[in-house]
Amino acid sequence: MSRVWGMPIVLTVLSLVGLVTGLLADGAADVVSWIGLGVPAAVATWHLVRGMSS
C-alpha cells in the first residue's frame, strides 16, 4: 500500500510546504516555495506529456 500512496503523499507535502512558505516567508524562503510548487507541477506536466504520446 505504501508503494501506491508514497509519491502522492510526497507531492502533497511538497505542495503544502511551498504554499505555506510562499505565504508566510520572504527572501531566501522564496526558493523553497518555488521548489515546493515547481516539482509537483513538473511531475504532473511530465505525466501529461508522456500520456499524450502513448
N, C-alpha and C. Protein backbone atom coordinates (compact mmCIF):
# COMPACT_ATOMS: atom_id res chain seq x y z
N MET A 1 0.81 -1.20 0.00
CA MET A 1 0.00 0.00 0.00
C MET A 1 0.86 1.26 0.00
N SER A 2 1.99 1.25 0.69
CA SER A 2 2.84 2.44 0.72
C SER A 2 3.43 2.73 -0.65
N ARG A 3 3.55 1.69 -1.48
CA ARG A 3 4.07 1.89 -2.83
C ARG A 3 3.09 2.70 -3.67
N VAL A 4 1.81 2.51 -3.43
CA VAL A 4 0.79 3.23 -4.19
C VAL A 4 0.67 4.67 -3.71
N TRP A 5 0.73 4.90 -2.40
CA TRP A 5 0.49 6.22 -1.84
C TRP A 5 1.75 7.02 -1.57
N GLY A 6 2.92 6.45 -1.76
CA GLY A 6 4.17 7.14 -1.44
C GLY A 6 4.37 8.43 -2.20
N MET A 7 4.32 8.37 -3.52
CA MET A 7 4.58 9.56 -4.33
C MET A 7 3.48 10.62 -4.18
N PRO A 8 2.19 10.26 -4.17
CA PRO A 8 1.18 11.30 -3.94
C PRO A 8 1.35 12.02 -2.60
N ILE A 9 1.77 11.29 -1.57
CA ILE A 9 1.99 11.93 -0.27
C ILE A 9 3.18 12.88 -0.35
N VAL A 10 4.25 12.48 -1.00
CA VAL A 10 5.43 13.33 -1.16
C VAL A 10 5.06 14.60 -1.93
N LEU A 11 4.32 14.46 -3.02
CA LEU A 11 3.93 15.62 -3.81
C LEU A 11 2.98 16.53 -3.03
N THR A 12 2.12 15.97 -2.22
CA THR A 12 1.22 16.77 -1.39
C THR A 12 1.99 17.56 -0.35
N VAL A 13 2.95 16.92 0.30
CA VAL A 13 3.77 17.60 1.31
C VAL A 13 4.59 18.71 0.65
N LEU A 14 5.17 18.44 -0.52
CA LEU A 14 5.92 19.48 -1.23
C LEU A 14 5.04 20.67 -1.57
N SER A 15 3.84 20.40 -2.04
CA SER A 15 2.91 21.48 -2.37
C SER A 15 2.53 22.28 -1.14
N LEU A 16 2.26 21.59 -0.05
CA LEU A 16 1.88 22.27 1.19
C LEU A 16 3.01 23.13 1.73
N VAL A 17 4.23 22.59 1.72
CA VAL A 17 5.38 23.36 2.17
C VAL A 17 5.60 24.58 1.28
N GLY A 18 5.47 24.39 -0.03
CA GLY A 18 5.65 25.50 -0.96
C GLY A 18 4.61 26.59 -0.76
N LEU A 19 3.36 26.20 -0.57
CA LEU A 19 2.30 27.19 -0.36
C LEU A 19 2.47 27.94 0.94
N VAL A 20 2.72 27.22 2.03
CA VAL A 20 2.86 27.88 3.33
C VAL A 20 4.09 28.77 3.35
N THR A 21 5.19 28.28 2.81
CA THR A 21 6.41 29.09 2.76
C THR A 21 6.21 30.34 1.91
N GLY A 22 5.53 30.18 0.80
CA GLY A 22 5.28 31.34 -0.06
C GLY A 22 4.40 32.38 0.59
N LEU A 23 3.48 31.95 1.43
CA LEU A 23 2.58 32.89 2.09
C LEU A 23 3.20 33.53 3.32
N LEU A 24 4.02 32.81 4.06
CA LEU A 24 4.48 33.29 5.36
C LEU A 24 5.91 33.81 5.39
N ALA A 25 6.73 33.41 4.45
CA ALA A 25 8.14 33.79 4.50
C ALA A 25 8.51 34.66 3.31
N ASP A 26 9.67 35.26 3.40
CA ASP A 26 10.14 36.13 2.33
C ASP A 26 11.65 35.97 2.19
N GLY A 27 12.19 36.44 1.11
CA GLY A 27 13.63 36.39 0.90
C GLY A 27 14.08 35.05 0.38
N ALA A 28 15.04 34.44 1.09
CA ALA A 28 15.61 33.16 0.65
C ALA A 28 14.58 32.04 0.70
N ALA A 29 13.54 32.19 1.51
CA ALA A 29 12.50 31.17 1.59
C ALA A 29 11.69 31.09 0.31
N ASP A 30 11.79 32.10 -0.54
CA ASP A 30 11.11 32.05 -1.83
C ASP A 30 11.61 30.89 -2.68
N VAL A 31 12.88 30.55 -2.55
CA VAL A 31 13.44 29.42 -3.30
C VAL A 31 12.78 28.12 -2.86
N VAL A 32 12.56 27.98 -1.55
CA VAL A 32 11.87 26.80 -1.04
C VAL A 32 10.46 26.74 -1.61
N SER A 33 9.82 27.87 -1.68
CA SER A 33 8.46 27.94 -2.24
C SER A 33 8.46 27.56 -3.71
N TRP A 34 9.41 28.05 -4.47
CA TRP A 34 9.49 27.73 -5.90
C TRP A 34 9.71 26.24 -6.11
N ILE A 35 10.58 25.65 -5.32
CA ILE A 35 10.84 24.21 -5.44
C ILE A 35 9.61 23.42 -5.02
N GLY A 36 9.01 23.82 -3.90
CA GLY A 36 7.85 23.11 -3.39
C GLY A 36 6.66 23.13 -4.33
N LEU A 37 6.52 24.20 -5.08
CA LEU A 37 5.42 24.29 -6.03
C LEU A 37 5.82 23.85 -7.44
N GLY A 38 7.10 23.95 -7.76
CA GLY A 38 7.56 23.61 -9.09
C GLY A 38 7.70 22.12 -9.35
N VAL A 39 8.15 21.39 -8.36
CA VAL A 39 8.34 19.94 -8.53
C VAL A 39 7.01 19.23 -8.82
N PRO A 40 5.95 19.45 -8.03
CA PRO A 40 4.69 18.79 -8.36
C PRO A 40 4.14 19.21 -9.74
N ALA A 41 4.32 20.46 -10.10
CA ALA A 41 3.87 20.92 -11.42
C ALA A 41 4.67 20.25 -12.53
N ALA A 42 5.98 20.10 -12.33
CA ALA A 42 6.82 19.44 -13.32
C ALA A 42 6.47 17.96 -13.46
N VAL A 43 6.21 17.30 -12.35
CA VAL A 43 5.83 15.89 -12.38
C VAL A 43 4.50 15.72 -13.11
N ALA A 44 3.54 16.57 -12.81
CA ALA A 44 2.23 16.49 -13.47
C ALA A 44 2.37 16.75 -14.97
N THR A 45 3.18 17.73 -15.35
CA THR A 45 3.39 18.03 -16.77
C THR A 45 4.07 16.88 -17.47
N TRP A 46 5.07 16.27 -16.82
CA TRP A 46 5.77 15.14 -17.41
C TRP A 46 4.81 13.98 -17.66
N HIS A 47 3.95 13.69 -16.69
CA HIS A 47 2.99 12.59 -16.88
C HIS A 47 1.95 12.93 -17.95
N LEU A 48 1.57 14.18 -18.03
CA LEU A 48 0.61 14.60 -19.06
C LEU A 48 1.20 14.42 -20.45
N VAL A 49 2.42 14.90 -20.65
CA VAL A 49 3.07 14.78 -21.95
C VAL A 49 3.34 13.31 -22.28
N ARG A 50 3.76 12.56 -21.30
CA ARG A 50 4.03 11.13 -21.51
C ARG A 50 2.76 10.38 -21.88
N GLY A 51 1.65 10.74 -21.26
CA GLY A 51 0.39 10.09 -21.56
C GLY A 51 -0.14 10.47 -22.93
N MET A 52 0.12 11.68 -23.38
CA MET A 52 -0.35 12.12 -24.70
C MET A 52 0.43 11.44 -25.81
N SER A 53 1.69 11.08 -25.55
CA SER A 53 2.49 10.45 -26.61
C SER A 53 2.24 8.97 -26.73
N SER A 54 1.55 8.39 -25.78
CA SER A 54 1.27 6.94 -25.84
C SER A 54 0.10 6.60 -26.72
